[in-house]
Amino acid sequence: HTYAHLYGLPATGLRFFTVYGPWGRPDMAYFS
């Protein structure tokens, strides 16, 4: 937000909610 405000950098944040599926992360519960 600071960089968007100071320098006009368009920035979008995405709050991910527990992503799962093929090629997933071994540290995630569904994988382990």
PDB file of all heavy atoms in Angstrom:
ATOM      1  N   HIS A   1       0.825  -1.202   0.000  1.00  0.00           N
ATOM      2  CA  HIS A   1       0.000   0.000   0.000  1.00  0.00           C
ATOM      3  C   HIS A   1       0.864   1.258   0.000  1.00  0.00           C
ATOM      4  O   HIS A   1       0.579   2.241  -0.694  1.00  0.00           O
ATOM      5  CB  HIS A   1      -0.946   0.044   1.194  1.00  0.00           C
ATOM      6  CG  HIS A   1      -1.807   1.260   1.194  1.00  0.00           C
ATOM      7  ND1 HIS A   1      -1.447   2.421   1.862  1.00  0.00           N
ATOM      8  CD2 HIS A   1      -2.982   1.532   0.563  1.00  0.00           C
ATOM      9  CE1 HIS A   1      -2.378   3.347   1.644  1.00  0.00           C
ATOM     10  NE2 HIS A   1      -3.312   2.830   0.868  1.00  0.00           N
ATOM     11  N   THR A   2       1.944   1.226   0.752  1.00  0.00           N
ATOM     12  CA  THR A   2       2.838   2.378   0.796  1.00  0.00           C
ATOM     13  C   THR A   2       3.402   2.694  -0.586  1.00  0.00           C
ATOM     14  O   THR A   2       3.445   3.867  -1.006  1.00  0.00           O
ATOM     15  CB  THR A   2       3.995   2.112   1.779  1.00  0.00           C
ATOM     16  OG1 THR A   2       3.452   1.858   3.077  1.00  0.00           O
ATOM     17  CG2 THR A   2       4.934   3.300   1.855  1.00  0.00           C
ATOM     18  N   TYR A   3       3.820   1.664  -1.319  1.00  0.00           N
ATOM     19  CA  TYR A   3       4.371   1.882  -2.663  1.00  0.00           C
ATOM     20  C   TYR A   3       3.289   2.301  -3.654  1.00  0.00           C
ATOM     21  O   TYR A   3       3.554   3.084  -4.572  1.00  0.00           O
ATOM     22  CB  TYR A   3       5.121   0.633  -3.140  1.00  0.00           C
ATOM     23  CG  TYR A   3       6.571   0.648  -2.723  1.00  0.00           C
ATOM     24  CD1 TYR A   3       6.926   0.601  -1.373  1.00  0.00           C
ATOM     25  CD2 TYR A   3       7.586   0.742  -3.664  1.00  0.00           C
ATOM     26  CE1 TYR A   3       8.249   0.643  -0.970  1.00  0.00           C
ATOM     27  CE2 TYR A   3       8.918   0.787  -3.282  1.00  0.00           C
ATOM     28  CZ  TYR A   3       9.249   0.735  -1.927  1.00  0.00           C
ATOM     29  OH  TYR A   3      10.568   0.791  -1.539  1.00  0.00           O
ATOM     30  N   ALA A   4       2.079   1.789  -3.472  1.00  0.00           N
ATOM     31  CA  ALA A   4       0.972   2.244  -4.310  1.00  0.00           C
ATOM     32  C   ALA A   4       0.681   3.720  -4.066  1.00  0.00           C
ATOM     33  O   ALA A   4       0.433   4.493  -4.996  1.00  0.00           O
ATOM     34  CB  ALA A   4      -0.272   1.400  -4.045  1.00  0.00           C
ATOM     35  N   HIS A   5       0.735   4.116  -2.797  1.00  0.00           N
ATOM     36  CA  HIS A   5       0.448   5.502  -2.425  1.00  0.00           C
ATOM     37  C   HIS A   5       1.569   6.458  -2.846  1.00  0.00           C
ATOM     38  O   HIS A   5       1.315   7.512  -3.429  1.00  0.00           O
ATOM     39  CB  HIS A   5       0.245   5.581  -0.913  1.00  0.00           C
ATOM     40  CG  HIS A   5       0.114   6.979  -0.390  1.00  0.00           C
ATOM     41  ND1 HIS A   5      -1.021   7.754  -0.571  1.00  0.00           N
ATOM     42  CD2 HIS A   5       0.999   7.760   0.302  1.00  0.00           C
ATOM     43  CE1 HIS A   5      -0.836   8.938  -0.016  1.00  0.00           C
ATOM     44  NE2 HIS A   5       0.380   8.970   0.522  1.00  0.00           N
ATOM     45  N   LEU A   6       2.806   6.093  -2.564  1.00  0.00           N
ATOM     46  CA  LEU A   6       3.928   6.993  -2.836  1.00  0.00           C
ATOM     47  C   LEU A   6       4.315   7.062  -4.311  1.00  0.00           C
ATOM     48  O   LEU A   6       4.653   8.129  -4.828  1.00  0.00           O
ATOM     49  CB  LEU A   6       5.155   6.563  -2.021  1.00  0.00           C
ATOM     50  CG  LEU A   6       5.085   6.752  -0.506  1.00  0.00           C
ATOM     51  CD1 LEU A   6       6.331   6.157   0.148  1.00  0.00           C
ATOM     52  CD2 LEU A   6       4.947   8.231  -0.138  1.00  0.00           C
ATOM     53  N   TYR A   7       4.267   5.909  -4.977  1.00  0.00           N
ATOM     54  CA  TYR A   7       4.833   5.828  -6.325  1.00  0.00           C
ATOM     55  C   TYR A   7       3.816   5.423  -7.399  1.00  0.00           C
ATOM     56  O   TYR A   7       4.174   5.283  -8.562  1.00  0.00           O
ATOM     57  CB  TYR A   7       6.003   4.834  -6.338  1.00  0.00           C
ATOM     58  CG  TYR A   7       7.005   5.112  -5.247  1.00  0.00           C
ATOM     59  CD1 TYR A   7       7.218   4.199  -4.212  1.00  0.00           C
ATOM     60  CD2 TYR A   7       7.733   6.301  -5.221  1.00  0.00           C
ATOM     61  CE1 TYR A   7       8.126   4.446  -3.195  1.00  0.00           C
ATOM     62  CE2 TYR A   7       8.648   6.568  -4.206  1.00  0.00           C
ATOM     63  CZ  TYR A   7       8.841   5.641  -3.193  1.00  0.00           C
ATOM     64  OH  TYR A   7       9.736   5.903  -2.189  1.00  0.00           O
ATOM     65  N   GLY A   8       2.562   5.241  -6.994  1.00  0.00           N
ATOM     66  CA  GLY A   8       1.543   4.875  -7.971  1.00  0.00           C
ATOM     67  C   GLY A   8       1.692   3.467  -8.515  1.00  0.00           C
ATOM     68  O   GLY A   8       1.189   3.173  -9.605  1.00  0.00           O
ATOM     69  N   LEU A   9       2.374   2.581  -7.776  1.00  0.00           N
ATOM     70  CA  LEU A   9       2.543   1.200  -8.226  1.00  0.00           C
ATOM     71  C   LEU A   9       1.247   0.422  -8.012  1.00  0.00           C
ATOM     72  O   LEU A   9       0.844   0.194  -6.867  1.00  0.00           O
ATOM     73  CB  LEU A   9       3.681   0.528  -7.446  1.00  0.00           C
ATOM     74  CG  LEU A   9       3.836  -0.985  -7.644  1.00  0.00           C
ATOM     75  CD1 LEU A   9       4.195  -1.305  -9.093  1.00  0.00           C
ATOM     76  CD2 LEU A   9       4.873  -1.556  -6.678  1.00  0.00           C
ATOM     77  N   PRO A  10       0.566  -0.013  -9.066  1.00  0.00           N
ATOM     78  CA  PRO A  10      -0.651  -0.808  -8.886  1.00  0.00           C
ATOM     79  C   PRO A  10      -0.316  -2.150  -8.233  1.00  0.00           C
ATOM     80  O   PRO A  10       0.514  -2.908  -8.741  1.00  0.00           O
ATOM     81  CB  PRO A  10      -1.168  -1.008 -10.320  1.00  0.00           C
ATOM     82  CG  PRO A  10      -0.539   0.098 -11.113  1.00  0.00           C
ATOM     83  CD  PRO A  10       0.820   0.287 -10.493  1.00  0.00           C
ATOM     84  N   ALA A  11      -0.941  -2.429  -7.102  1.00  0.00           N
ATOM     85  CA  ALA A  11      -0.601  -3.621  -6.327  1.00  0.00           C
ATOM     86  C   ALA A  11      -1.863  -4.298  -5.813  1.00  0.00           C
ATOM     87  O   ALA A  11      -2.739  -3.644  -5.236  1.00  0.00           O
ATOM     88  CB  ALA A  11       0.305  -3.251  -5.152  1.00  0.00           C
ATOM     89  N   THR A  12      -1.934  -5.605  -6.020  1.00  0.00           N
ATOM     90  CA  THR A  12      -3.077  -6.393  -5.560  1.00  0.00           C
ATOM     91  C   THR A  12      -2.576  -7.555  -4.717  1.00  0.00           C
ATOM     92  O   THR A  12      -1.750  -8.354  -5.164  1.00  0.00           O
ATOM     93  CB  THR A  12      -3.898  -6.945  -6.739  1.00  0.00           C
ATOM     94  OG1 THR A  12      -4.335  -5.868  -7.561  1.00  0.00           O
ATOM     95  CG2 THR A  12      -5.108  -7.713  -6.228  1.00  0.00           C
ATOM     96  N   GLY A  13      -3.080  -7.653  -3.491  1.00  0.00           N
ATOM     97  CA  GLY A  13      -2.752  -8.767  -2.616  1.00  0.00           C
ATOM     98  C   GLY A  13      -3.849  -9.808  -2.618  1.00  0.00           C
ATOM     99  O   GLY A  13      -5.039  -9.474  -2.625  1.00  0.00           O
ATOM    100  N   LEU A  14      -3.459 -11.072  -2.629  1.00  0.00           N
ATOM    101  CA  LEU A  14      -4.421 -12.181  -2.618  1.00  0.00           C
ATOM    102  C   LEU A  14      -4.220 -13.000  -1.347  1.00  0.00           C
ATOM    103  O   LEU A  14      -3.138 -13.554  -1.125  1.00  0.00           O
ATOM    104  CB  LEU A  14      -4.231 -13.071  -3.846  1.00  0.00           C
ATOM    105  CG  LEU A  14      -4.557 -12.430  -5.191  1.00  0.00           C
ATOM    106  CD1 LEU A  14      -4.201 -13.365  -6.334  1.00  0.00           C
ATOM    107  CD2 LEU A  14      -6.028 -12.045  -5.260  1.00  0.00           C
ATOM    108  N   ARG A  15      -5.262 -13.053  -0.531  1.00  0.00           N
ATOM    109  CA  ARG A  15      -5.213 -13.839   0.698  1.00  0.00           C
ATOM    110  C   ARG A  15      -5.659 -15.263   0.392  1.00  0.00           C
ATOM    111  O   ARG A  15      -6.848 -15.568   0.323  1.00  0.00           O
ATOM    112  CB  ARG A  15      -6.097 -13.202   1.764  1.00  0.00           C
ATOM    113  CG  ARG A  15      -5.578 -11.845   2.224  1.00  0.00           C
ATOM    114  CD  ARG A  15      -6.555 -11.140   3.153  1.00  0.00           C
ATOM    115  NE  ARG A  15      -6.014  -9.862   3.628  1.00  0.00           N
ATOM    116  CZ  ARG A  15      -6.715  -8.935   4.270  1.00  0.00           C
ATOM    117  NH1 ARG A  15      -8.018  -9.156   4.523  1.00  0.00           N
ATOM    118  NH2 ARG A  15      -6.155  -7.814   4.656  1.00  0.00           N
ATOM    119  N   PHE A  16      -4.688 -16.148   0.201  1.00  0.00           N
ATOM    120  CA  PHE A  16      -4.972 -17.541  -0.145  1.00  0.00           C
ATOM    121  C   PHE A  16      -5.525 -18.298   1.055  1.00  0.00           C
ATOM    122  O   PHE A  16      -5.056 -18.125   2.184  1.00  0.00           O
ATOM    123  CB  PHE A  16      -3.706 -18.244  -0.627  1.00  0.00           C
ATOM    124  CG  PHE A  16      -3.152 -17.718  -1.919  1.00  0.00           C
ATOM    125  CD1 PHE A  16      -1.866 -17.234  -1.991  1.00  0.00           C
ATOM    126  CD2 PHE A  16      -3.932 -17.706  -3.060  1.00  0.00           C
ATOM    127  CE1 PHE A  16      -1.342 -16.750  -3.175  1.00  0.00           C
ATOM    128  CE2 PHE A  16      -3.419 -17.221  -4.253  1.00  0.00           C
ATOM    129  CZ  PHE A  16      -2.122 -16.739  -4.310  1.00  0.00           C
ATOM    130  N   PHE A  17      -6.487 -19.169   0.772  1.00  0.00           N
ATOM    131  CA  PHE A  17      -7.095 -20.012   1.796  1.00  0.00           C
ATOM    132  C   PHE A  17      -6.781 -21.476   1.492  1.00  0.00           C
ATOM    133  O   PHE A  17      -7.371 -22.077   0.602  1.00  0.00           O
ATOM    134  CB  PHE A  17      -8.615 -19.788   1.844  1.00  0.00           C
ATOM    135  CG  PHE A  17      -9.038 -18.559   2.603  1.00  0.00           C
ATOM    136  CD1 PHE A  17      -8.788 -17.294   2.084  1.00  0.00           C
ATOM    137  CD2 PHE A  17      -9.680 -18.651   3.828  1.00  0.00           C
ATOM    138  CE1 PHE A  17      -9.176 -16.154   2.771  1.00  0.00           C
ATOM    139  CE2 PHE A  17     -10.063 -17.515   4.520  1.00  0.00           C
ATOM    140  CZ  PHE A  17      -9.812 -16.264   3.997  1.00  0.00           C
ATOM    141  N   THR A  18      -5.822 -22.051   2.217  1.00  0.00           N
ATOM    142  CA  THR A  18      -5.465 -23.478   2.211  1.00  0.00           C
ATOM    143  C   THR A  18      -5.587 -24.122   0.833  1.00  0.00           C
ATOM    144  O   THR A  18      -6.541 -24.841   0.533  1.00  0.00           O
ATOM    145  CB  THR A  18      -6.312 -24.266   3.232  1.00  0.00           C
ATOM    146  OG1 THR A  18      -6.413 -23.530   4.457  1.00  0.00           O
ATOM    147  CG2 THR A  18      -5.652 -25.620   3.526  1.00  0.00           C
ATOM    148  N   VAL A  19      -4.599 -23.864  -0.003  1.00  0.00           N
ATOM    149  CA  VAL A  19      -4.597 -24.367  -1.379  1.00  0.00           C
ATOM    150  C   VAL A  19      -4.127 -25.823  -1.390  1.00  0.00           C
ATOM    151  O   VAL A  19      -3.178 -26.186  -0.687  1.00  0.00           O
ATOM    152  CB  VAL A  19      -3.674 -23.503  -2.258  1.00  0.00           C
ATOM    153  CG1 VAL A  19      -3.829 -23.894  -3.724  1.00  0.00           C
ATOM    154  CG2 VAL A  19      -3.977 -22.017  -2.057  1.00  0.00           C
ATOM    155  N   TYR A  20      -4.788 -26.657  -2.203  1.00  0.00           N
ATOM    156  CA  TYR A  20      -4.416 -28.069  -2.283  1.00  0.00           C
ATOM    157  C   TYR A  20      -4.572 -28.555  -3.717  1.00  0.00           C
ATOM    158  O   TYR A  20      -5.221 -27.904  -4.545  1.00  0.00           O
ATOM    159  CB  TYR A  20      -5.282 -28.916  -1.340  1.00  0.00           C
ATOM    160  CG  TYR A  20      -6.699 -29.133  -1.843  1.00  0.00           C
ATOM    161  CD1 TYR A  20      -7.070 -30.329  -2.458  1.00  0.00           C
ATOM    162  CD2 TYR A  20      -7.666 -28.123  -1.740  1.00  0.00           C
ATOM    163  CE1 TYR A  20      -8.361 -30.523  -2.938  1.00  0.00           C
ATOM    164  CE2 TYR A  20      -8.949 -28.316  -2.211  1.00  0.00           C
ATOM    165  CZ  TYR A  20      -9.295 -29.514  -2.818  1.00  0.00           C
ATOM    166  OH  TYR A  20     -10.571 -29.693  -3.308  1.00  0.00           O
ATOM    167  N   GLY A  21      -3.989 -29.714  -4.014  1.00  0.00           N
ATOM    168  CA  GLY A  21      -4.140 -30.305  -5.334  1.00  0.00           C
ATOM    169  C   GLY A  21      -2.874 -31.010  -5.784  1.00  0.00           C
ATOM    170  O   GLY A  21      -1.878 -31.077  -5.048  1.00  0.00           O
ATOM    171  N   PRO A  22      -2.871 -31.567  -7.013  1.00  0.00           N
ATOM    172  CA  PRO A  22      -1.696 -32.251  -7.553  1.00  0.00           C
ATOM    173  C   PRO A  22      -0.456 -31.359  -7.550  1.00  0.00           C
ATOM    174  O   PRO A  22      -0.553 -30.153  -7.745  1.00  0.00           O
ATOM    175  CB  PRO A  22      -2.126 -32.592  -8.986  1.00  0.00           C
ATOM    176  CG  PRO A  22      -3.620 -32.648  -8.939  1.00  0.00           C
ATOM    177  CD  PRO A  22      -4.026 -31.611  -7.937  1.00  0.00           C
ATOM    178  N   TRP A  23       0.692 -31.972  -7.313  1.00  0.00           N
ATOM    179  CA  TRP A  23       1.979 -31.275  -7.221  1.00  0.00           C
ATOM    180  C   TRP A  23       2.041 -30.365  -5.990  1.00  0.00           C
ATOM    181  O   TRP A  23       2.814 -29.415  -5.947  1.00  0.00           O
ATOM    182  CB  TRP A  23       2.293 -30.480  -8.494  1.00  0.00           C
ATOM    183  CG  TRP A  23       2.507 -31.327  -9.698  1.00  0.00           C
ATOM    184  CD1 TRP A  23       1.588 -31.610 -10.679  1.00  0.00           C
ATOM    185  CD2 TRP A  23       3.697 -32.044 -10.042  1.00  0.00           C
ATOM    186  NE1 TRP A  23       2.144 -32.457 -11.603  1.00  0.00           N
ATOM    187  CE2 TRP A  23       3.438 -32.736 -11.246  1.00  0.00           C
ATOM    188  CE3 TRP A  23       4.962 -32.159  -9.450  1.00  0.00           C
ATOM    189  CZ2 TRP A  23       4.392 -33.537 -11.861  1.00  0.00           C
ATOM    190  CZ3 TRP A  23       5.913 -32.953 -10.070  1.00  0.00           C
ATOM    191  CH2 TRP A  23       5.621 -33.635 -11.264  1.00  0.00           C
ATOM    192  N   GLY A  24       1.234 -30.678  -4.978  1.00  0.00           N
ATOM    193  CA  GLY A  24       1.152 -29.836  -3.786  1.00  0.00           C
ATOM    194  C   GLY A  24       2.372 -29.921  -2.898  1.00  0.00           C
ATOM    195  O   GLY A  24       3.358 -30.618  -3.192  1.00  0.00           O
ATOM    196  N   ARG A  25       2.296 -29.199  -1.763  1.00  0.00           N
ATOM    197  CA  ARG A  25       3.423 -29.091  -0.834  1.00  0.00           C
ATOM    198  C   ARG A  25       3.410 -30.225   0.185  1.00  0.00           C
ATOM    199  O   ARG A  25       2.396 -30.433   0.864  1.00  0.00           O
ATOM    200  CB  ARG A  25       3.363 -27.755  -0.086  1.00  0.00           C
ATOM    201  CG  ARG A  25       3.896 -26.591  -0.882  1.00  0.00           C
ATOM    202  CD  ARG A  25       3.651 -25.272  -0.204  1.00  0.00           C
ATOM    203  NE  ARG A  25       3.683 -25.311   1.258  1.00  0.00           N
ATOM    204  CZ  ARG A  25       3.087 -24.406   2.037  1.00  0.00           C
ATOM    205  NH1 ARG A  25       2.417 -23.404   1.496  1.00  0.00           N
ATOM    206  NH2 ARG A  25       3.153 -24.497   3.345  1.00  0.00           N
ATOM    207  N   PRO A  26       4.530 -30.921   0.338  1.00  0.00           N
ATOM    208  CA  PRO A  26       4.577 -32.033   1.300  1.00  0.00           C
ATOM    209  C   PRO A  26       4.371 -31.616   2.746  1.00  0.00           C
ATOM    210  O   PRO A  26       4.045 -32.462   3.590  1.00  0.00           O
ATOM    211  CB  PRO A  26       5.991 -32.605   1.107  1.00  0.00           C
ATOM    212  CG  PRO A  26       6.372 -32.215  -0.274  1.00  0.00           C
ATOM    213  CD  PRO A  26       5.745 -30.877  -0.499  1.00  0.00           C
ATOM    214  N   ASP A  27       4.560 -30.332   3.072  1.00  0.00           N
ATOM    215  CA  ASP A  27       4.360 -29.906   4.451  1.00  0.00           C
ATOM    216  C   ASP A  27       2.894 -29.648   4.783  1.00  0.00           C
ATOM    217  O   ASP A  27       2.549 -29.431   5.942  1.00  0.00           O
ATOM    218  CB  ASP A  27       5.165 -28.635   4.741  1.00  0.00           C
ATOM    219  CG  ASP A  27       4.716 -27.450   3.889  1.00  0.00           C
ATOM    220  OD1 ASP A  27       4.610 -27.620   2.657  1.00  0.00           O
ATOM    221  OD2 ASP A  27       4.474 -26.370   4.440  1.00  0.00           O
ATOM    222  N   MET A  28       2.030 -29.677   3.772  1.00  0.00           N
ATOM    223  CA  MET A  28       0.605 -29.439   4.004  1.00  0.00           C
ATOM    224  C   MET A  28      -0.071 -30.716   4.516  1.00  0.00           C
ATOM    225  O   MET A  28       0.334 -31.835   4.166  1.00  0.00           O
ATOM    226  CB  MET A  28      -0.070 -28.958   2.727  1.00  0.00           C
ATOM    227  CG  MET A  28       0.456 -27.623   2.226  1.00  0.00           C
ATOM    228  SD  MET A  28       0.068 -26.254   3.342  1.00  0.00           S
ATOM    229  CE  MET A  28      -1.661 -25.998   2.958  1.00  0.00           C
ATOM    230  N   ALA A  29      -1.127 -30.544   5.300  1.00  0.00           N
ATOM    231  CA  ALA A  29      -1.754 -31.678   5.989  1.00  0.00           C
ATOM    232  C   ALA A  29      -2.250 -32.751   5.026  1.00  0.00           C
ATOM    233  O   ALA A  29      -2.034 -33.946   5.256  1.00  0.00           O
ATOM    234  CB  ALA A  29      -2.901 -31.177   6.866  1.00  0.00           C
ATOM    235  N   TYR A  30      -2.921 -32.343   3.939  1.00  0.00           N
ATOM    236  CA  TYR A  30      -3.492 -33.349   3.029  1.00  0.00           C
ATOM    237  C   TYR A  30      -2.407 -34.234   2.431  1.00  0.00           C
ATOM    238  O   TYR A  30      -2.609 -35.431   2.204  1.00  0.00           O
ATOM    239  CB  TYR A  30      -4.307 -32.676   1.923  1.00  0.00           C
ATOM    240  CG  TYR A  30      -3.504 -31.850   0.956  1.00  0.00           C
ATOM    241  CD1 TYR A  30      -3.015 -32.392  -0.223  1.00  0.00           C
ATOM    242  CD2 TYR A  30      -3.219 -30.514   1.226  1.00  0.00           C
ATOM    243  CE1 TYR A  30      -2.264 -31.629  -1.104  1.00  0.00           C
ATOM    244  CE2 TYR A  30      -2.482 -29.748   0.351  1.00  0.00           C
ATOM    245  CZ  TYR A  30      -1.999 -30.308  -0.819  1.00  0.00           C
ATOM    246  OH  TYR A  30      -1.256 -29.551  -1.687  1.00  0.00           O
ATOM    247  N   PHE A  31      -1.231 -33.660   2.182  1.00  0.00           N
ATOM    248  CA  PHE A  31      -0.109 -34.398   1.600  1.00  0.00           C
ATOM    249  C   PHE A  31       0.480 -35.357   2.625  1.00  0.00           C
ATOM    250  O   PHE A  31       0.653 -36.560   2.351  1.00  0.00           O
ATOM    251  CB  PHE A  31       0.953 -33.395   1.133  1.00  0.00           C
ATOM    252  CG  PHE A  31       1.911 -33.896   0.096  1.00  0.00           C
ATOM    253  CD1 PHE A  31       1.928 -33.343  -1.172  1.00  0.00           C
ATOM    254  CD2 PHE A  31       2.825 -34.902   0.396  1.00  0.00           C
ATOM    255  CE1 PHE A  31       2.819 -33.792  -2.140  1.00  0.00           C
ATOM    256  CE2 PHE A  31       3.723 -35.351  -0.563  1.00  0.00           C
ATOM    257  CZ  PHE A  31       3.727 -34.794  -1.826  1.00  0.00           C
ATOM    258  N   SER A  32       0.777 -34.826   3.812  1.00  0.00           N
ATOM    259  CA  SER A  32       1.387 -35.674   4.847  1.00  0.00           C
ATOM    260  C   SER A  32       0.409 -36.739   5.343  1.00  0.00           C
ATOM    261  O   SER A  32       0.819 -37.865   5.655  1.00  0.00           O
ATOM    262  CB  SER A  32       1.877 -34.815   6.011  1.00  0.00           C
ATOM    263  OG  SER A  32       0.825 -34.089   6.598  1.00  0.00           O
TER     264      SER A  32
END
